[in-house]
Amino acid sequence: MTERIVITRPQAQAELLARKVSALGLEAVVFPLLVISELPDQAALRAVLADLQPFSLVAFVGPNAIDAALTHLEVWPAGVPIAIMGDGSRLALARHGITEANATIYRPHTPERADSESLLAALDLPALRGKKALIIRGETGRELLADALRAAGVAVSQVAAYRRTAPMLDQALRLRLLELLASDSVWVVTSSEALRNLQQMTSDLVGDAAVANLQQQRLIVSHMRIAEKAQTLGFANVVCAGSSDEHLLAAIQSSL
């Protein structure tokens, strides 16, 4: 039975899932494929956070956006609804003292689908027509949420809260990646961008032969969109589990 589970989330989120994997008696290896860092210039973020009252909705795209933004706020302004996509974001809000007991929080009705499409289905778009919405996100990302809100007549502003980059492939990381590729591991991937980084790092490391080996590794992904990307990249063994930790853990146990 394979017992090595490679968790590729950014460091903070990876450590939380790793503890849950270890509690199952499995070896959890934290190998982040995305590095989260502060923006060098946070003036735009601070400026918009200084007055959120004009917005009828503030949408956070992921827990990293929540953590980066809420470090600048002592308390969430009363009466400003929040929109999030997944359970990780719900937990991130709770770490900052924001729950459904003290704020209006919109999120998808189906926890296994943590994406823009499911969030849009949970929103009352006609009620938002003619009003203002703010999307707090990373520097890059999908435009679907913003485009759909604008199509519904919502005035949308977007602000970046953090930066996502690929990890630097230094000597220590090279050796670690070679070791993981040589072992029989299960890789947990929760981002299409992370998956692309993994393939690029592998190609840079030892070329096409290593990529062919990588494509035979078992992947557990959190969304069908990532599964489709994996298949286009040539991965042969992909399981789509759902976005919550509970779904990922169940898929990990089933894969062993």
C-alpha atoms as a PDB file:
ATOM      1  CA  MET A   1       0.000   0.000   0.000  1.00  0.00           C
ATOM      2  CA  THR A   2       1.343   3.403  -0.969  1.00  0.00           C
ATOM      3  CA  GLU A   3       1.616   5.623   2.091  1.00  0.00           C
ATOM      4  CA  ARG A   4       3.305   8.736   0.727  1.00  0.00           C
ATOM      5  CA  ILE A   5       0.871  11.543  -0.008  1.00  0.00           C
ATOM      6  CA  VAL A   6       2.353  14.638  -1.662  1.00  0.00           C
ATOM      7  CA  ILE A   7       0.376  17.776  -0.807  1.00  0.00           C
ATOM      8  CA  THR A   8       1.036  20.611  -3.239  1.00  0.00           C
ATOM      9  CA  ARG A   9      -1.065  23.431  -1.793  1.00  0.00           C
ATOM     10  CA  PRO A  10       0.673  26.655  -0.711  1.00  0.00           C
ATOM     11  CA  GLN A  11       2.543  26.142   2.562  1.00  0.00           C
ATOM     12  CA  ALA A  12      -0.083  27.331   5.046  1.00  0.00           C
ATOM     13  CA  GLN A  13      -2.962  25.331   3.535  1.00  0.00           C
ATOM     14  CA  ALA A  14      -0.712  22.326   2.869  1.00  0.00           C
ATOM     15  CA  GLU A  15       0.292  21.991   6.513  1.00  0.00           C
ATOM     16  CA  LEU A  16      -3.330  21.822   7.651  1.00  0.00           C
ATOM     17  CA  LEU A  17      -4.175  19.029   5.201  1.00  0.00           C
ATOM     18  CA  ALA A  18      -0.883  17.262   6.006  1.00  0.00           C
ATOM     19  CA  ARG A  19      -1.877  16.996   9.670  1.00  0.00           C
ATOM     20  CA  LYS A  20      -5.154  15.365   8.658  1.00  0.00           C
ATOM     21  CA  VAL A  21      -3.354  12.933   6.352  1.00  0.00           C
ATOM     22  CA  SER A  22      -0.867  12.042   9.095  1.00  0.00           C
ATOM     23  CA  ALA A  23      -3.771  11.364  11.466  1.00  0.00           C
ATOM     24  CA  LEU A  24      -4.787   8.578   9.075  1.00  0.00           C
ATOM     25  CA  GLY A  25      -1.411   6.916   9.602  1.00  0.00           C
ATOM     26  CA  LEU A  26      -0.072   7.977   6.214  1.00  0.00           C
ATOM     27  CA  GLU A  27       3.125   9.817   5.331  1.00  0.00           C
ATOM     28  CA  ALA A  28       2.296  13.382   4.322  1.00  0.00           C
ATOM     29  CA  VAL A  29       4.886  15.251   2.262  1.00  0.00           C
ATOM     30  CA  VAL A  30       4.391  19.001   1.923  1.00  0.00           C
ATOM     31  CA  PHE A  31       5.671  20.095  -1.491  1.00  0.00           C
ATOM     32  CA  PRO A  32       4.104  23.471  -2.363  1.00  0.00           C
ATOM     33  CA  LEU A  33       3.788  24.199  -6.067  1.00  0.00           C
ATOM     34  CA  LEU A  34       2.680  27.795  -5.476  1.00  0.00           C
ATOM     35  CA  VAL A  35       4.413  30.408  -3.353  1.00  0.00           C
ATOM     36  CA  ILE A  36       2.175  33.086  -1.815  1.00  0.00           C
ATOM     37  CA  SER A  37       3.793  36.436  -1.108  1.00  0.00           C
ATOM     38  CA  GLU A  38       2.778  39.970  -0.258  1.00  0.00           C
ATOM     39  CA  LEU A  39       2.418  42.541  -2.986  1.00  0.00           C
ATOM     40  CA  PRO A  40       5.326  44.986  -3.055  1.00  0.00           C
ATOM     41  CA  ASP A  41       2.813  47.828  -3.302  1.00  0.00           C
ATOM     42  CA  GLN A  42      -0.325  47.390  -1.208  1.00  0.00           C
ATOM     43  CA  ALA A  43      -1.630  50.941  -1.588  1.00  0.00           C
ATOM     44  CA  ALA A  44      -4.557  49.965  -3.823  1.00  0.00           C
ATOM     45  CA  LEU A  45      -5.603  47.172  -1.469  1.00  0.00           C
ATOM     46  CA  ARG A  46      -5.444  49.399   1.600  1.00  0.00           C
ATOM     47  CA  ALA A  47      -7.348  52.165  -0.154  1.00  0.00           C
ATOM     48  CA  VAL A  48     -10.315  50.008  -1.096  1.00  0.00           C
ATOM     49  CA  LEU A  49     -10.403  48.297   2.309  1.00  0.00           C
ATOM     50  CA  ALA A  50     -10.563  51.681   4.008  1.00  0.00           C
ATOM     51  CA  ASP A  51     -14.205  52.052   2.926  1.00  0.00           C
ATOM     52  CA  LEU A  52     -16.176  48.931   2.027  1.00  0.00           C
ATOM     53  CA  GLN A  53     -19.621  50.391   2.759  1.00  0.00           C
ATOM     54  CA  PRO A  54     -20.346  51.318  -0.888  1.00  0.00           C
ATOM     55  CA  PHE A  55     -20.199  47.629  -1.870  1.00  0.00           C
ATOM     56  CA  SER A  56     -23.255  45.394  -1.752  1.00  0.00           C
ATOM     57  CA  LEU A  57     -20.995  42.356  -2.019  1.00  0.00           C
ATOM     58  CA  VAL A  58     -17.317  41.630  -1.352  1.00  0.00           C
ATOM     59  CA  ALA A  59     -16.124  38.361  -2.908  1.00  0.00           C
ATOM     60  CA  PHE A  60     -12.906  36.720  -1.762  1.00  0.00           C
ATOM     61  CA  VAL A  61     -11.264  34.371  -4.249  1.00  0.00           C
ATOM     62  CA  GLY A  62      -9.695  31.852  -1.894  1.00  0.00           C
ATOM     63  CA  PRO A  63      -8.266  31.781   1.635  1.00  0.00           C
ATOM     64  CA  ASN A  64      -5.045  33.537   0.595  1.00  0.00           C
ATOM     65  CA  ALA A  65      -7.062  36.578  -0.475  1.00  0.00           C
ATOM     66  CA  ILE A  66      -8.863  36.532   2.875  1.00  0.00           C
ATOM     67  CA  ASP A  67      -5.675  36.308   4.927  1.00  0.00           C
ATOM     68  CA  ALA A  68      -3.893  38.977   2.894  1.00  0.00           C
ATOM     69  CA  ALA A  69      -6.792  41.434   3.014  1.00  0.00           C
ATOM     70  CA  LEU A  70      -7.976  40.976   6.575  1.00  0.00           C
ATOM     71  CA  THR A  71      -4.566  41.705   8.054  1.00  0.00           C
ATOM     72  CA  HIS A  72      -5.432  45.313   7.176  1.00  0.00           C
ATOM     73  CA  LEU A  73      -8.822  45.297   8.937  1.00  0.00           C
ATOM     74  CA  GLU A  74      -9.519  45.182  12.664  1.00  0.00           C
ATOM     75  CA  VAL A  75     -13.206  44.426  12.210  1.00  0.00           C
ATOM     76  CA  TRP A  76     -15.422  43.583   9.247  1.00  0.00           C
ATOM     77  CA  PRO A  77     -17.825  46.459   8.499  1.00  0.00           C
ATOM     78  CA  ALA A  78     -21.401  45.768   9.546  1.00  0.00           C
ATOM     79  CA  GLY A  79     -23.904  45.173   6.789  1.00  0.00           C
ATOM     80  CA  VAL A  80     -21.398  44.345   4.015  1.00  0.00           C
ATOM     81  CA  PRO A  81     -22.134  40.830   2.663  1.00  0.00           C
ATOM     82  CA  ILE A  82     -19.287  38.458   1.834  1.00  0.00           C
ATOM     83  CA  ALA A  83     -19.054  35.839  -0.913  1.00  0.00           C
ATOM     84  CA  ILE A  84     -16.669  32.875  -0.814  1.00  0.00           C
ATOM     85  CA  MET A  85     -16.285  29.655  -2.769  1.00  0.00           C
ATOM     86  CA  GLY A  86     -14.978  26.863  -0.560  1.00  0.00           C
ATOM     87  CA  ASP A  87     -14.625  25.440   2.912  1.00  0.00           C
ATOM     88  CA  GLY A  88     -11.032  26.665   3.115  1.00  0.00           C
ATOM     89  CA  SER A  89     -12.300  30.212   2.735  1.00  0.00           C
ATOM     90  CA  ARG A  90     -14.957  29.663   5.394  1.00  0.00           C
ATOM     91  CA  LEU A  91     -12.258  28.497   7.804  1.00  0.00           C
ATOM     92  CA  ALA A  92     -10.036  31.437   6.866  1.00  0.00           C
ATOM     93  CA  LEU A  93     -12.829  33.886   7.655  1.00  0.00           C
ATOM     94  CA  ALA A  94     -13.398  32.150  10.988  1.00  0.00           C
ATOM     95  CA  ARG A  95      -9.719  32.590  11.883  1.00  0.00           C
ATOM     96  CA  HIS A  96     -10.323  36.323  11.537  1.00  0.00           C
ATOM     97  CA  GLY A  97     -13.464  36.201  13.660  1.00  0.00           C
ATOM     98  CA  ILE A  98     -15.972  36.313  10.792  1.00  0.00           C
ATOM     99  CA  THR A  99     -18.697  33.665  10.743  1.00  0.00           C
ATOM    100  CA  GLU A 100     -22.316  33.371   9.654  1.00  0.00           C
ATOM    101  CA  ALA A 101     -23.233  34.393  13.210  1.00  0.00           C
ATOM    102  CA  ASN A 102     -21.926  37.922  12.706  1.00  0.00           C
ATOM    103  CA  ALA A 103     -21.884  38.423   8.922  1.00  0.00           C
ATOM    104  CA  THR A 104     -23.852  37.552   5.832  1.00  0.00           C
ATOM    105  CA  ILE A 105     -21.769  34.999   3.929  1.00  0.00           C
ATOM    106  CA  TYR A 106     -22.787  33.611   0.542  1.00  0.00           C
ATOM    107  CA  ARG A 107     -21.190  30.364  -0.629  1.00  0.00           C
ATOM    108  CA  PRO A 108     -22.036  27.510  -3.011  1.00  0.00           C
ATOM    109  CA  HIS A 109     -24.905  25.247  -2.022  1.00  0.00           C
ATOM    110  CA  THR A 110     -22.858  22.191  -3.015  1.00  0.00           C
ATOM    111  CA  PRO A 111     -19.588  22.045  -0.979  1.00  0.00           C
ATOM    112  CA  GLU A 112     -17.926  19.701  -3.472  1.00  0.00           C
ATOM    113  CA  ARG A 113     -18.087  22.426  -6.126  1.00  0.00           C
ATOM    114  CA  ALA A 114     -16.006  25.365  -4.905  1.00  0.00           C
ATOM    115  CA  ASP A 115     -15.858  27.537  -7.999  1.00  0.00           C
ATOM    116  CA  SER A 116     -17.158  30.731  -9.556  1.00  0.00           C
ATOM    117  CA  GLU A 117     -19.999  28.968 -11.331  1.00  0.00           C
ATOM    118  CA  SER A 118     -21.381  27.482  -8.103  1.00  0.00           C
ATOM    119  CA  LEU A 119     -20.997  30.765  -6.244  1.00  0.00           C
ATOM    120  CA  LEU A 120     -22.902  32.618  -8.953  1.00  0.00           C
ATOM    121  CA  ALA A 121     -25.732  30.113  -8.614  1.00  0.00           C
ATOM    122  CA  ALA A 122     -25.932  30.927  -4.892  1.00  0.00           C
ATOM    123  CA  LEU A 123     -26.153  34.702  -5.408  1.00  0.00           C
ATOM    124  CA  ASP A 124     -29.301  36.719  -5.976  1.00  0.00           C
ATOM    125  CA  LEU A 125     -28.048  38.390  -9.145  1.00  0.00           C
ATOM    126  CA  PRO A 126     -31.238  40.386  -9.862  1.00  0.00           C
ATOM    127  CA  ALA A 127     -30.952  41.961  -6.392  1.00  0.00           C
ATOM    128  CA  LEU A 128     -27.387  43.030  -7.179  1.00  0.00           C
ATOM    129  CA  ARG A 129     -28.266  44.750 -10.458  1.00  0.00           C
ATOM    130  CA  GLY A 130     -27.219  48.395 -10.391  1.00  0.00           C
ATOM    131  CA  LYS A 131     -25.142  47.906  -7.248  1.00  0.00           C
ATOM    132  CA  LYS A 132     -21.409  47.652  -6.611  1.00  0.00           C
ATOM    133  CA  ALA A 133     -19.370  44.511  -5.941  1.00  0.00           C
ATOM    134  CA  LEU A 134     -15.707  44.099  -5.041  1.00  0.00           C
ATOM    135  CA  ILE A 135     -13.612  41.042  -5.883  1.00  0.00           C
ATOM    136  CA  ILE A 136     -10.461  40.518  -3.787  1.00  0.00           C
ATOM    137  CA  ARG A 137      -8.109  38.035  -5.442  1.00  0.00           C
ATOM    138  CA  GLY A 138      -4.553  37.268  -6.453  1.00  0.00           C
ATOM    139  CA  GLU A 139      -2.770  39.220  -9.158  1.00  0.00           C
ATOM    140  CA  THR A 140      -3.979  36.743 -11.784  1.00  0.00           C
ATOM    141  CA  GLY A 141      -6.905  34.366 -12.077  1.00  0.00           C
ATOM    142  CA  ARG A 142     -10.118  33.546 -13.896  1.00  0.00           C
ATOM    143  CA  GLU A 143     -12.340  36.425 -15.000  1.00  0.00           C
ATOM    144  CA  LEU A 144     -15.545  34.404 -15.000  1.00  0.00           C
ATOM    145  CA  LEU A 145     -16.948  35.785 -11.750  1.00  0.00           C
ATOM    146  CA  ALA A 146     -16.288  39.411 -12.679  1.00  0.00           C
ATOM    147  CA  ASP A 147     -17.609  38.933 -16.214  1.00  0.00           C
ATOM    148  CA  ALA A 148     -20.795  37.224 -15.033  1.00  0.00           C
ATOM    149  CA  LEU A 149     -21.511  39.907 -12.431  1.00  0.00           C
ATOM    150  CA  ARG A 150     -21.002  42.656 -14.988  1.00  0.00           C
ATOM    151  CA  ALA A 151     -23.308  40.824 -17.400  1.00  0.00           C
ATOM    152  CA  ALA A 152     -25.923  40.862 -14.634  1.00  0.00           C
ATOM    153  CA  GLY A 153     -25.662  44.646 -14.376  1.00  0.00           C
ATOM    154  CA  VAL A 154     -23.334  44.811 -11.370  1.00  0.00           C
ATOM    155  CA  ALA A 155     -20.580  47.431 -11.220  1.00  0.00           C
ATOM    156  CA  VAL A 156     -17.512  45.322 -10.446  1.00  0.00           C
ATOM    157  CA  SER A 157     -14.176  46.450  -8.996  1.00  0.00           C
ATOM    158  CA  GLN A 158     -11.251  44.089  -8.551  1.00  0.00           C
ATOM    159  CA  VAL A 159      -8.173  44.438  -6.363  1.00  0.00           C
ATOM    160  CA  ALA A 160      -5.163  42.163  -5.943  1.00  0.00           C
ATOM    161  CA  ALA A 161      -4.297  41.130  -2.382  1.00  0.00           C
ATOM    162  CA  TYR A 162      -1.338  38.815  -2.922  1.00  0.00           C
ATOM    163  CA  ARG A 163       1.060  37.358  -5.485  1.00  0.00           C
ATOM    164  CA  ARG A 164       1.311  33.736  -6.637  1.00  0.00           C
ATOM    165  CA  THR A 165       4.575  32.460  -8.124  1.00  0.00           C
ATOM    166  CA  ALA A 166       6.168  29.131  -8.932  1.00  0.00           C
ATOM    167  CA  PRO A 167       8.722  27.902  -6.386  1.00  0.00           C
ATOM    168  CA  MET A 168      12.372  28.492  -7.223  1.00  0.00           C
ATOM    169  CA  LEU A 169      13.974  25.227  -8.302  1.00  0.00           C
ATOM    170  CA  ASP A 170      17.078  25.377  -6.108  1.00  0.00           C
ATOM    171  CA  GLN A 171      19.315  22.391  -5.332  1.00  0.00           C
ATOM    172  CA  ALA A 172      17.320  21.254  -2.300  1.00  0.00           C
ATOM    173  CA  LEU A 173      14.050  21.389  -4.234  1.00  0.00           C
ATOM    174  CA  ARG A 174      15.613  19.569  -7.182  1.00  0.00           C
ATOM    175  CA  LEU A 175      16.721  16.695  -4.966  1.00  0.00           C
ATOM    176  CA  ARG A 176      13.336  16.535  -3.270  1.00  0.00           C
ATOM    177  CA  LEU A 177      11.492  16.469  -6.580  1.00  0.00           C
ATOM    178  CA  LEU A 178      13.766  13.720  -7.938  1.00  0.00           C
ATOM    179  CA  GLU A 179      13.102  11.667  -4.818  1.00  0.00           C
ATOM    180  CA  LEU A 180       9.345  12.080  -5.112  1.00  0.00           C
ATOM    181  CA  LEU A 181       9.321  11.230  -8.816  1.00  0.00           C
ATOM    182  CA  ALA A 182      11.266   8.055  -8.078  1.00  0.00           C
ATOM    183  CA  SER A 183       8.768   6.920  -5.444  1.00  0.00           C
ATOM    184  CA  ASP A 184       5.246   5.562  -5.737  1.00  0.00           C
ATOM    185  CA  SER A 185       3.321   8.568  -4.459  1.00  0.00           C
ATOM    186  CA  VAL A 186      -0.137  10.084  -4.639  1.00  0.00           C
ATOM    187  CA  TRP A 187      -0.102  13.780  -5.542  1.00  0.00           C
ATOM    188  CA  VAL A 188      -2.871  16.049  -4.245  1.00  0.00           C
ATOM    189  CA  VAL A 189      -3.256  19.015  -6.614  1.00  0.00           C
ATOM    190  CA  THR A 190      -5.831  21.749  -6.023  1.00  0.00           C
ATOM    191  CA  SER A 191      -4.875  24.268  -8.718  1.00  0.00           C
ATOM    192  CA  SER A 192      -4.394  24.113 -12.482  1.00  0.00           C
ATOM    193  CA  GLU A 193      -1.585  26.633 -12.112  1.00  0.00           C
ATOM    194  CA  ALA A 194       0.148  24.361  -9.589  1.00  0.00           C
ATOM    195  CA  LEU A 195      -0.157  21.449 -11.985  1.00  0.00           C
ATOM    196  CA  ARG A 196       1.457  23.450 -14.777  1.00  0.00           C
ATOM    197  CA  ASN A 197       4.250  24.436 -12.397  1.00  0.00           C
ATOM    198  CA  LEU A 198       4.849  20.788 -11.512  1.00  0.00           C
ATOM    199  CA  GLN A 199       5.164  19.768 -15.139  1.00  0.00           C
ATOM    200  CA  GLN A 200       7.432  22.722 -15.960  1.00  0.00           C
ATOM    201  CA  MET A 201       9.669  22.059 -12.950  1.00  0.00           C
ATOM    202  CA  THR A 202       9.959  18.409 -13.917  1.00  0.00           C
ATOM    203  CA  SER A 203      10.814  19.297 -17.508  1.00  0.00           C
ATOM    204  CA  ASP A 204      13.423  21.843 -16.388  1.00  0.00           C
ATOM    205  CA  LEU A 205      14.923  19.314 -14.014  1.00  0.00           C
ATOM    206  CA  VAL A 206      15.598  16.306 -16.211  1.00  0.00           C
ATOM    207  CA  GLY A 207      13.666  16.729 -19.427  1.00  0.00           C
ATOM    208  CA  ASP A 208      11.018  14.778 -21.299  1.00  0.00           C
ATOM    209  CA  ALA A 209      11.836  11.391 -19.771  1.00  0.00           C
ATOM    210  CA  ALA A 210      11.034  12.737 -16.316  1.00  0.00           C
ATOM    211  CA  VAL A 211       7.802  14.285 -17.595  1.00  0.00           C
ATOM    212  CA  ALA A 212       6.754  10.899 -18.968  1.00  0.00           C
ATOM    213  CA  ASN A 213       7.401   9.409 -15.521  1.00  0.00           C
ATOM    214  CA  LEU A 214       5.472  12.221 -13.871  1.00  0.00           C
ATOM    215  CA  GLN A 215       2.477  11.595 -16.112  1.00  0.00           C
ATOM    216  CA  GLN A 216       2.191   8.086 -14.677  1.00  0.00           C
ATOM    217  CA  GLN A 217       1.964   9.363 -11.108  1.00  0.00           C
ATOM    218  CA  ARG A 218      -1.431   9.218  -9.427  1.00  0.00           C
ATOM    219  CA  LEU A 219      -3.199  12.556  -9.061  1.00  0.00           C
ATOM    220  CA  ILE A 220      -6.072  13.494  -6.787  1.00  0.00           C
ATOM    221  CA  VAL A 221      -7.506  16.839  -7.845  1.00  0.00           C
ATOM    222  CA  SER A 222     -10.161  19.062  -6.325  1.00  0.00           C
ATOM    223  CA  HIS A 223     -12.097  20.139  -9.394  1.00  0.00           C
ATOM    224  CA  MET A 224     -13.125  18.781 -12.773  1.00  0.00           C
ATOM    225  CA  ARG A 225     -11.420  21.723 -14.447  1.00  0.00           C
ATOM    226  CA  ILE A 226      -8.078  20.583 -12.974  1.00  0.00           C
ATOM    227  CA  ALA A 227      -8.800  16.996 -14.021  1.00  0.00           C
ATOM    228  CA  GLU A 228      -9.411  18.135 -17.581  1.00  0.00           C
ATOM    229  CA  LYS A 229      -6.169  20.127 -17.545  1.00  0.00           C
ATOM    230  CA  ALA A 230      -4.290  17.095 -16.230  1.00  0.00           C
ATOM    231  CA  GLN A 231      -5.632  14.967 -19.036  1.00  0.00           C
ATOM    232  CA  THR A 232      -4.591  17.518 -21.671  1.00  0.00           C
ATOM    233  CA  LEU A 233      -1.091  17.490 -20.114  1.00  0.00           C
ATOM    234  CA  GLY A 234      -0.921  13.715 -20.515  1.00  0.00           C
ATOM    235  CA  PHE A 235      -1.607  12.487 -16.987  1.00  0.00           C
ATOM    236  CA  ALA A 236      -3.062   9.012 -17.118  1.00  0.00           C
ATOM    237  CA  ASN A 237      -4.314   8.381 -13.574  1.00  0.00           C
ATOM    238  CA  VAL A 238      -6.489  11.233 -12.305  1.00  0.00           C
ATOM    239  CA  VAL A 239      -9.215  11.175  -9.654  1.00  0.00           C
ATOM    240  CA  CYS A 240     -11.481  14.192  -9.151  1.00  0.00           C
ATOM    241  CA  ALA A 241     -12.421  14.281  -5.471  1.00  0.00           C
ATOM    242  CA  GLY A 242     -14.118  17.592  -4.720  1.00  0.00           C
ATOM    243  CA  SER A 243     -12.688  20.656  -3.026  1.00  0.00           C
ATOM    244  CA  SER A 244     -13.183  20.067   0.703  1.00  0.00           C
ATOM    245  CA  ASP A 245     -10.559  18.366   2.856  1.00  0.00           C
ATOM    246  CA  GLU A 246     -13.098  15.649   3.645  1.00  0.00           C
ATOM    247  CA  HIS A 247     -13.530  14.835  -0.051  1.00  0.00           C
ATOM    248  CA  LEU A 248      -9.771  14.842  -0.604  1.00  0.00           C
ATOM    249  CA  LEU A 249      -9.136  12.576   2.395  1.00  0.00           C
ATOM    250  CA  ALA A 250     -11.806  10.136   1.264  1.00  0.00           C
ATOM    251  CA  ALA A 251     -10.225   9.991  -2.201  1.00  0.00           C
ATOM    252  CA  ILE A 252      -6.773   9.478  -0.697  1.00  0.00           C
ATOM    253  CA  GLN A 253      -8.000   6.521   1.346  1.00  0.00           C
ATOM    254  CA  SER A 254      -9.784   5.034  -1.673  1.00  0.00           C
ATOM    255  CA  SER A 255      -6.646   5.326  -3.809  1.00  0.00           C
ATOM    256  CA  LEU A 256      -4.472   3.215  -1.515  1.00  0.00           C
END
